[in-house]
């Protein structure tokens, strides 16, 4: 009927799409973790290179590596948050779907039993219209089957309500986990801090006796513009994903 079809469709839909979401989110988490590892390697290499440079550039590189390493702390927090708040709850829906299918099966079994007992009672009345004992037994069996079907139907109604409420609640958790309220402000702080040390070191190196201040400043400004464009592109791409 309508109730069983409604739950069956809802369960099938969740099983399909939540399964896909779980796999994709898990893949995203793995790639983010690999990106974090690559960034850690980059930080280490910057520090190694810094140790071979002049004091001014060495200081700038090390400051940049430190700020870039802080950015990876946020990426690590993202990995942990997605695993705990998104991937694991999605995995749990494998068990939830199984339980809901069991509820469906129990309801259908109870209803089939009721229909079978009703048919049995009608046959008994036709074959033994004067045997009140046999008819009474058939009526009792039908009553039991009807009570069981009513109970499972009521449970099915509660299951439909709870399943929809839980699904909506979990989807809101997924959204909040992907896009925490203070995400933009934290990212702005990290971006601002990560740009300034290296730029300061480049400026100091340009003024430290090369005699090519104007040329160096031009290169520095071009590099800053390029860095800002790259960073803005990365942030837009990441924000677009998180808002989807």
C-alpha atoms as a PDB file:
ATOM      1  CA  UNK A   1       0.000   0.000   0.000  1.00  0.00           C
ATOM      2  CA  UNK A   2       0.997   3.686   0.199  1.00  0.00           C
ATOM      3  CA  UNK A   3       2.870   3.415   3.508  1.00  0.00           C
ATOM      4  CA  UNK A   4       5.037   0.479   2.561  1.00  0.00           C
ATOM      5  CA  UNK A   5       5.724   1.938  -0.874  1.00  0.00           C
ATOM      6  CA  UNK A   6       6.672   5.264   0.693  1.00  0.00           C
ATOM      7  CA  UNK A   7       9.197   3.712   3.047  1.00  0.00           C
ATOM      8  CA  UNK A   8      10.497   1.340   0.401  1.00  0.00           C
ATOM      9  CA  UNK A   9      11.106   4.225  -2.022  1.00  0.00           C
ATOM     10  CA  UNK A  10      12.725   6.365   0.696  1.00  0.00           C
ATOM     11  CA  UNK A  11      15.017   3.549   1.801  1.00  0.00           C
ATOM     12  CA  UNK A  12      16.009   2.675  -1.769  1.00  0.00           C
ATOM     13  CA  UNK A  13      16.709   6.324  -2.553  1.00  0.00           C
ATOM     14  CA  UNK A  14      18.863   6.791   0.546  1.00  0.00           C
ATOM     15  CA  UNK A  15      20.679   3.517  -0.028  1.00  0.00           C
ATOM     16  CA  UNK A  16      21.637   4.607  -3.543  1.00  0.00           C
ATOM     17  CA  UNK A  17      22.575   8.239  -3.002  1.00  0.00           C
ATOM     18  CA  UNK A  18      24.010   8.049   0.508  1.00  0.00           C
ATOM     19  CA  UNK A  19      26.190   5.183  -0.654  1.00  0.00           C
ATOM     20  CA  UNK A  20      27.523   7.320  -3.501  1.00  0.00           C
ATOM     21  CA  UNK A  21      28.015  10.294  -1.187  1.00  0.00           C
ATOM     22  CA  UNK A  22      29.884   8.146   1.297  1.00  0.00           C
ATOM     23  CA  UNK A  23      32.312   6.905  -1.358  1.00  0.00           C
ATOM     24  CA  UNK A  24      32.878  10.374  -2.813  1.00  0.00           C
ATOM     25  CA  UNK A  25      33.356  12.035   0.581  1.00  0.00           C
ATOM     26  CA  UNK A  26      35.753   9.290   1.624  1.00  0.00           C
ATOM     27  CA  UNK A  27      37.740   9.843  -1.582  1.00  0.00           C
ATOM     28  CA  UNK A  28      37.789  13.593  -0.968  1.00  0.00           C
ATOM     29  CA  UNK A  29      39.083  13.046   2.554  1.00  0.00           C
ATOM     30  CA  UNK A  30      41.838  10.739   1.297  1.00  0.00           C
ATOM     31  CA  UNK A  31      42.948  13.243  -1.351  1.00  0.00           C
ATOM     32  CA  UNK A  32      42.871  16.091   1.161  1.00  0.00           C
ATOM     33  CA  UNK A  33      45.045  14.024   3.488  1.00  0.00           C
ATOM     34  CA  UNK A  34      47.486  13.359   0.643  1.00  0.00           C
ATOM     35  CA  UNK A  35      47.558  17.080  -0.149  1.00  0.00           C
ATOM     36  CA  UNK A  36      48.336  17.746   3.516  1.00  0.00           C
ATOM     37  CA  UNK A  37      51.214  15.265   3.346  1.00  0.00           C
ATOM     38  CA  UNK A  38      52.590  16.899   0.190  1.00  0.00           C
ATOM     39  CA  UNK A  39      52.375  20.291   1.875  1.00  0.00           C
ATOM     40  CA  UNK A  40      54.309  18.938   4.838  1.00  0.00           C
ATOM     41  CA  UNK A  41      57.018  17.770   2.448  1.00  0.00           C
ATOM     42  CA  UNK A  42      57.060  21.213   0.895  1.00  0.00           C
ATOM     43  CA  UNK A  43      57.475  22.834   4.317  1.00  0.00           C
ATOM     44  CA  UNK A  44      60.400  20.545   5.056  1.00  0.00           C
ATOM     45  CA  UNK A  45      62.059  21.342   1.731  1.00  0.00           C
ATOM     46  CA  UNK A  46      61.614  25.094   2.244  1.00  0.00           C
ATOM     47  CA  UNK A  47      63.302  24.801   5.619  1.00  0.00           C
ATOM     48  CA  UNK A  48      66.179  22.820   4.105  1.00  0.00           C
ATOM     49  CA  UNK A  49      66.619  25.422   1.360  1.00  0.00           C
ATOM     50  CA  UNK A  50      66.367  28.287   3.874  1.00  0.00           C
ATOM     51  CA  UNK A  51      69.346  26.929   5.763  1.00  0.00           C
ATOM     52  CA  UNK A  52      71.530  27.532   2.672  1.00  0.00           C
ATOM     53  CA  UNK A  53      70.458  31.128   2.031  1.00  0.00           C
ATOM     54  CA  UNK A  54      71.462  34.568   3.303  1.00  0.00           C
ATOM     55  CA  UNK A  55      70.130  35.620   6.711  1.00  0.00           C
ATOM     56  CA  UNK A  56      67.393  37.919   5.375  1.00  0.00           C
ATOM     57  CA  UNK A  57      65.988  35.411   2.913  1.00  0.00           C
ATOM     58  CA  UNK A  58      66.503  32.577   5.391  1.00  0.00           C
ATOM     59  CA  UNK A  59      64.321  34.352   7.928  1.00  0.00           C
ATOM     60  CA  UNK A  60      61.614  35.051   5.379  1.00  0.00           C
ATOM     61  CA  UNK A  61      61.561  31.494   4.094  1.00  0.00           C
ATOM     62  CA  UNK A  62      61.374  30.026   7.564  1.00  0.00           C
ATOM     63  CA  UNK A  63      58.555  32.388   8.512  1.00  0.00           C
ATOM     64  CA  UNK A  64      56.711  31.435   5.341  1.00  0.00           C
ATOM     65  CA  UNK A  65      57.210  27.721   6.053  1.00  0.00           C
ATOM     66  CA  UNK A  66      55.852  28.217   9.552  1.00  0.00           C
ATOM     67  CA  UNK A  67      52.707  29.970   8.329  1.00  0.00           C
ATOM     68  CA  UNK A  68      52.233  27.430   5.536  1.00  0.00           C
ATOM     69  CA  UNK A  69      52.502  24.660   8.116  1.00  0.00           C
ATOM     70  CA  UNK A  70      49.713  26.341  10.100  1.00  0.00           C
ATOM     71  CA  UNK A  71      47.524  26.144   7.023  1.00  0.00           C
ATOM     72  CA  UNK A  72      48.042  22.384   7.040  1.00  0.00           C
ATOM     73  CA  UNK A  73      46.747  22.312  10.610  1.00  0.00           C
ATOM     74  CA  UNK A  74      43.436  23.583   9.255  1.00  0.00           C
ATOM     75  CA  UNK A  75      43.556  20.989   6.501  1.00  0.00           C
ATOM     76  CA  UNK A  76      44.176  18.283   9.112  1.00  0.00           C
ATOM     77  CA  UNK A  77      41.203  19.594  11.096  1.00  0.00           C
ATOM     78  CA  UNK A  78      39.113  19.392   7.923  1.00  0.00           C
ATOM     79  CA  UNK A  79      40.138  15.769   7.392  1.00  0.00           C
ATOM     80  CA  UNK A  80      39.282  14.821  10.968  1.00  0.00           C
ATOM     81  CA  UNK A  81      35.991  16.734  10.896  1.00  0.00           C
ATOM     82  CA  UNK A  82      34.813  15.142   7.650  1.00  0.00           C
ATOM     83  CA  UNK A  83      35.732  11.670   8.826  1.00  0.00           C
ATOM     84  CA  UNK A  84      33.912  12.056  12.151  1.00  0.00           C
ATOM     85  CA  UNK A  85      30.921  14.174  11.108  1.00  0.00           C
ATOM     86  CA  UNK A  86      30.230  13.029   7.564  1.00  0.00           C
ATOM     87  CA  UNK A  87      31.880   9.789   6.473  1.00  0.00           C
ATOM     88  CA  UNK A  88      31.149   7.775   9.617  1.00  0.00           C
ATOM     89  CA  UNK A  89      27.452   8.826   9.834  1.00  0.00           C
ATOM     90  CA  UNK A  90      27.033   7.986   6.155  1.00  0.00           C
ATOM     91  CA  UNK A  91      28.556   4.567   6.759  1.00  0.00           C
ATOM     92  CA  UNK A  92      26.028   4.023   9.548  1.00  0.00           C
ATOM     93  CA  UNK A  93      23.219   4.240   7.018  1.00  0.00           C
ATOM     94  CA  UNK A  94      24.177   0.804   5.761  1.00  0.00           C
ATOM     95  CA  UNK A  95      22.893  -0.603   9.059  1.00  0.00           C
ATOM     96  CA  UNK A  96      19.949   1.824   9.159  1.00  0.00           C
ATOM     97  CA  UNK A  97      18.795   0.741   5.701  1.00  0.00           C
ATOM     98  CA  UNK A  98      19.012  -2.918   6.693  1.00  0.00           C
ATOM     99  CA  UNK A  99      16.873  -2.299   9.788  1.00  0.00           C
ATOM    100  CA  UNK A 100      14.262  -0.399   7.793  1.00  0.00           C
ATOM    101  CA  UNK A 101      14.056  -3.204   5.263  1.00  0.00           C
ATOM    102  CA  UNK A 102      13.513  -5.613   8.152  1.00  0.00           C
ATOM    103  CA  UNK A 103      10.634  -3.401   9.337  1.00  0.00           C
ATOM    104  CA  UNK A 104       9.148  -3.495   5.874  1.00  0.00           C
ATOM    105  CA  UNK A 105       9.496  -7.252   5.685  1.00  0.00           C
ATOM    106  CA  UNK A 106       7.835  -7.703   9.099  1.00  0.00           C
ATOM    107  CA  UNK A 107       4.899  -5.492   8.099  1.00  0.00           C
ATOM    108  CA  UNK A 108       4.362  -7.267   4.798  1.00  0.00           C
ATOM    109  CA  UNK A 109       4.574 -10.665   6.505  1.00  0.00           C
ATOM    110  CA  UNK A 110       1.976  -9.646   9.111  1.00  0.00           C
ATOM    111  CA  UNK A 111      -0.388  -8.317   6.459  1.00  0.00           C
ATOM    112  CA  UNK A 112      -0.013 -11.426   4.337  1.00  0.00           C
ATOM    113  CA  UNK A 113      -0.762 -13.544   7.403  1.00  0.00           C
ATOM    114  CA  UNK A 114      -3.899 -11.518   8.081  1.00  0.00           C
ATOM    115  CA  UNK A 115      -5.071 -11.922   4.474  1.00  0.00           C
ATOM    116  CA  UNK A 116      -4.368 -15.644   4.634  1.00  0.00           C
ATOM    117  CA  UNK A 117      -6.354 -16.038   7.889  1.00  0.00           C
ATOM    118  CA  UNK A 118      -9.269 -14.097   6.421  1.00  0.00           C
ATOM    119  CA  UNK A 119      -9.315 -16.417   3.405  1.00  0.00           C
ATOM    120  CA  UNK A 120      -9.096 -19.403   5.732  1.00  0.00           C
ATOM    121  CA  UNK A 121     -12.069 -18.171   7.764  1.00  0.00           C
ATOM    122  CA  UNK A 122     -14.211 -17.713   4.652  1.00  0.00           C
ATOM    123  CA  UNK A 123     -13.392 -21.243   3.482  1.00  0.00           C
ATOM    124  CA  UNK A 124     -14.190 -22.673   6.900  1.00  0.00           C
ATOM    125  CA  UNK A 125     -17.577 -20.937   6.937  1.00  0.00           C
ATOM    126  CA  UNK A 126     -18.357 -22.286   3.493  1.00  0.00           C
ATOM    127  CA  UNK A 127     -17.251 -25.856   4.198  1.00  0.00           C
ATOM    128  CA  UNK A 128     -18.475 -26.157   7.795  1.00  0.00           C
ATOM    129  CA  UNK A 129     -21.213 -23.570   8.263  1.00  0.00           C
ATOM    130  CA  UNK A 130     -22.653 -25.385  11.303  1.00  0.00           C
ATOM    131  CA  UNK A 131     -19.370 -26.176  13.094  1.00  0.00           C
ATOM    132  CA  UNK A 132     -19.091 -23.266  15.524  1.00  0.00           C
ATOM    133  CA  UNK A 133     -15.958 -24.665  17.174  1.00  0.00           C
ATOM    134  CA  UNK A 134     -13.904 -24.673  13.966  1.00  0.00           C
ATOM    135  CA  UNK A 135     -15.298 -21.314  12.892  1.00  0.00           C
ATOM    136  CA  UNK A 136     -14.488 -19.835  16.314  1.00  0.00           C
ATOM    137  CA  UNK A 137     -10.901 -21.066  16.061  1.00  0.00           C
ATOM    138  CA  UNK A 138     -10.563 -19.501  12.608  1.00  0.00           C
ATOM    139  CA  UNK A 139     -12.016 -16.230  13.913  1.00  0.00           C
ATOM    140  CA  UNK A 140      -9.518 -16.245  16.804  1.00  0.00           C
ATOM    141  CA  UNK A 141      -6.597 -16.797  14.439  1.00  0.00           C
ATOM    142  CA  UNK A 142      -7.827 -13.964  12.243  1.00  0.00           C
ATOM    143  CA  UNK A 143      -8.125 -11.680  15.260  1.00  0.00           C
ATOM    144  CA  UNK A 144      -4.547 -12.432  16.268  1.00  0.00           C
ATOM    145  CA  UNK A 145      -3.305 -11.831  12.743  1.00  0.00           C
ATOM    146  CA  UNK A 146      -5.227  -8.548  12.560  1.00  0.00           C
ATOM    147  CA  UNK A 147      -3.773  -7.337  15.862  1.00  0.00           C
ATOM    148  CA  UNK A 148      -0.271  -8.225  14.701  1.00  0.00           C
ATOM    149  CA  UNK A 149      -0.807  -6.455  11.377  1.00  0.00           C
ATOM    150  CA  UNK A 150      -2.142  -3.387  13.185  1.00  0.00           C
ATOM    151  CA  UNK A 151       0.837  -3.336  15.525  1.00  0.00           C
ATOM    152  CA  UNK A 152       3.379  -3.648  12.717  1.00  0.00           C
ATOM    153  CA  UNK A 153       1.549  -1.028  10.658  1.00  0.00           C
ATOM    154  CA  UNK A 154       1.687   1.421  13.553  1.00  0.00           C
ATOM    155  CA  UNK A 155       5.379   0.640  13.964  1.00  0.00           C
ATOM    156  CA  UNK A 156       5.860   1.217  10.243  1.00  0.00           C
ATOM    157  CA  UNK A 157       4.266   4.663  10.538  1.00  0.00           C
ATOM    158  CA  UNK A 158       6.668   5.541  13.352  1.00  0.00           C
ATOM    159  CA  UNK A 159       9.542   4.162  11.315  1.00  0.00           C
ATOM    160  CA  UNK A 160       8.679   6.386   8.351  1.00  0.00           C
ATOM    161  CA  UNK A 161       8.523   9.484  10.563  1.00  0.00           C
ATOM    162  CA  UNK A 162      11.739   8.689  12.425  1.00  0.00           C
ATOM    163  CA  UNK A 163      13.596   7.790   9.244  1.00  0.00           C
ATOM    164  CA  UNK A 164      12.692  11.095   7.560  1.00  0.00           C
ATOM    165  CA  UNK A 165      13.500  13.136  10.674  1.00  0.00           C
ATOM    166  CA  UNK A 166      16.861  11.409  11.114  1.00  0.00           C
ATOM    167  CA  UNK A 167      17.723  11.874   7.445  1.00  0.00           C
ATOM    168  CA  UNK A 168      16.970  15.608   7.552  1.00  0.00           C
ATOM    169  CA  UNK A 169      18.919  16.003  10.792  1.00  0.00           C
ATOM    170  CA  UNK A 170      21.956  14.186   9.427  1.00  0.00           C
ATOM    171  CA  UNK A 171      21.928  16.144   6.169  1.00  0.00           C
ATOM    172  CA  UNK A 172      22.010  19.387   8.197  1.00  0.00           C
ATOM    173  CA  UNK A 173      24.974  17.981  10.192  1.00  0.00           C
ATOM    174  CA  UNK A 174      26.756  17.197   6.900  1.00  0.00           C
ATOM    175  CA  UNK A 175      26.205  20.750   5.659  1.00  0.00           C
ATOM    176  CA  UNK A 176      27.420  22.340   8.884  1.00  0.00           C
ATOM    177  CA  UNK A 177      30.463  20.082   8.950  1.00  0.00           C
ATOM    178  CA  UNK A 178      31.422  21.058   5.427  1.00  0.00           C
ATOM    179  CA  UNK A 179      31.001  24.783   5.977  1.00  0.00           C
ATOM    180  CA  UNK A 180      31.613  25.766   9.619  1.00  0.00           C
ATOM    181  CA  UNK A 181      30.479  29.305  10.559  1.00  0.00           C
ATOM    182  CA  UNK A 182      33.975  30.701  11.159  1.00  0.00           C
ATOM    183  CA  UNK A 183      35.547  29.057   8.095  1.00  0.00           C
ATOM    184  CA  UNK A 184      35.944  32.269   6.067  1.00  0.00           C
ATOM    185  CA  UNK A 185      37.393  34.315   8.896  1.00  0.00           C
ATOM    186  CA  UNK A 186      39.947  31.636   9.773  1.00  0.00           C
ATOM    187  CA  UNK A 187      40.975  31.253   6.154  1.00  0.00           C
ATOM    188  CA  UNK A 188      41.382  35.019   5.744  1.00  0.00           C
ATOM    189  CA  UNK A 189      43.680  35.119   8.771  1.00  0.00           C
ATOM    190  CA  UNK A 190      45.802  32.265   7.455  1.00  0.00           C
ATOM    191  CA  UNK A 191      46.037  33.809   4.001  1.00  0.00           C
ATOM    192  CA  UNK A 192      47.087  37.189   5.392  1.00  0.00           C
ATOM    193  CA  UNK A 193      49.737  35.674   7.640  1.00  0.00           C
ATOM    194  CA  UNK A 194      51.082  33.304   5.020  1.00  0.00           C
ATOM    195  CA  UNK A 195      51.797  36.063   2.479  1.00  0.00           C
ATOM    196  CA  UNK A 196      53.543  38.697   4.554  1.00  0.00           C
ATOM    197  CA  UNK A 197      56.790  37.013   5.779  1.00  0.00           C
ATOM    198  CA  UNK A 198      58.114  36.035   2.347  1.00  0.00           C
ATOM    199  CA  UNK A 199      57.144  39.360   0.849  1.00  0.00           C
ATOM    200  CA  UNK A 200      58.973  41.191   3.661  1.00  0.00           C
ATOM    201  CA  UNK A 201      62.074  39.068   3.115  1.00  0.00           C
ATOM    202  CA  UNK A 202      62.049  39.745  -0.630  1.00  0.00           C
ATOM    203  CA  UNK A 203      61.779  43.463   0.046  1.00  0.00           C
ATOM    204  CA  UNK A 204      64.701  43.330   2.468  1.00  0.00           C
ATOM    205  CA  UNK A 205      66.836  41.414  -0.026  1.00  0.00           C
ATOM    206  CA  UNK A 206      66.067  43.953  -2.743  1.00  0.00           C
ATOM    207  CA  UNK A 207      67.306  46.878  -0.620  1.00  0.00           C
ATOM    208  CA  UNK A 208      70.386  45.058   0.711  1.00  0.00           C
ATOM    209  CA  UNK A 209      72.913  46.269  -1.876  1.00  0.00           C
ATOM    210  CA  UNK A 210      71.973  44.857  -5.263  1.00  0.00           C
ATOM    211  CA  UNK A 211      71.448  48.296  -6.815  1.00  0.00           C
ATOM    212  CA  UNK A 212      68.348  46.998  -8.650  1.00  0.00           C
ATOM    213  CA  UNK A 213      65.604  48.159  -6.340  1.00  0.00           C
ATOM    214  CA  UNK A 214      63.146  49.214  -9.037  1.00  0.00           C
ATOM    215  CA  UNK A 215      63.496  45.977 -11.005  1.00  0.00           C
ATOM    216  CA  UNK A 216      63.248  43.837  -7.898  1.00  0.00           C
ATOM    217  CA  UNK A 217      60.229  45.749  -6.627  1.00  0.00           C
ATOM    218  CA  UNK A 218      58.510  45.231  -9.975  1.00  0.00           C
ATOM    219  CA  UNK A 219      59.139  41.510  -9.815  1.00  0.00           C
ATOM    220  CA  UNK A 220      57.936  41.450  -6.226  1.00  0.00           C
ATOM    221  CA  UNK A 221      54.712  43.248  -7.159  1.00  0.00           C
ATOM    222  CA  UNK A 222      54.101  40.905 -10.083  1.00  0.00           C
ATOM    223  CA  UNK A 223      54.704  37.915  -7.852  1.00  0.00           C
ATOM    224  CA  UNK A 224      52.312  39.294  -5.235  1.00  0.00           C
ATOM    225  CA  UNK A 225      49.624  39.799  -7.884  1.00  0.00           C
ATOM    226  CA  UNK A 226      50.138  36.283  -9.223  1.00  0.00           C
ATOM    227  CA  UNK A 227      50.019  34.847  -5.710  1.00  0.00           C
ATOM    228  CA  UNK A 228      46.808  36.707  -4.935  1.00  0.00           C
ATOM    229  CA  UNK A 229      45.169  35.492  -8.157  1.00  0.00           C
ATOM    230  CA  UNK A 230      46.180  31.893  -7.458  1.00  0.00           C
ATOM    231  CA  UNK A 231      44.990  32.098  -3.872  1.00  0.00           C
ATOM    232  CA  UNK A 232      41.687  33.720  -4.842  1.00  0.00           C
ATOM    233  CA  UNK A 233      41.123  30.975  -7.411  1.00  0.00           C
ATOM    234  CA  UNK A 234      41.865  28.254  -4.866  1.00  0.00           C
ATOM    235  CA  UNK A 235      39.578  29.823  -2.294  1.00  0.00           C
ATOM    236  CA  UNK A 236      36.749  30.261  -4.816  1.00  0.00           C
ATOM    237  CA  UNK A 237      37.034  26.646  -5.939  1.00  0.00           C
ATOM    238  CA  UNK A 238      37.069  25.373  -2.371  1.00  0.00           C
ATOM    239  CA  UNK A 239      34.182  27.596  -1.282  1.00  0.00           C
ATOM    240  CA  UNK A 240      32.134  26.576  -4.317  1.00  0.00           C
ATOM    241  CA  UNK A 241      32.563  22.918  -3.386  1.00  0.00           C
ATOM    242  CA  UNK A 242      31.713  23.492   0.241  1.00  0.00           C
ATOM    243  CA  UNK A 243      28.546  25.423  -0.624  1.00  0.00           C
ATOM    244  CA  UNK A 244      27.212  22.760  -3.025  1.00  0.00           C
END
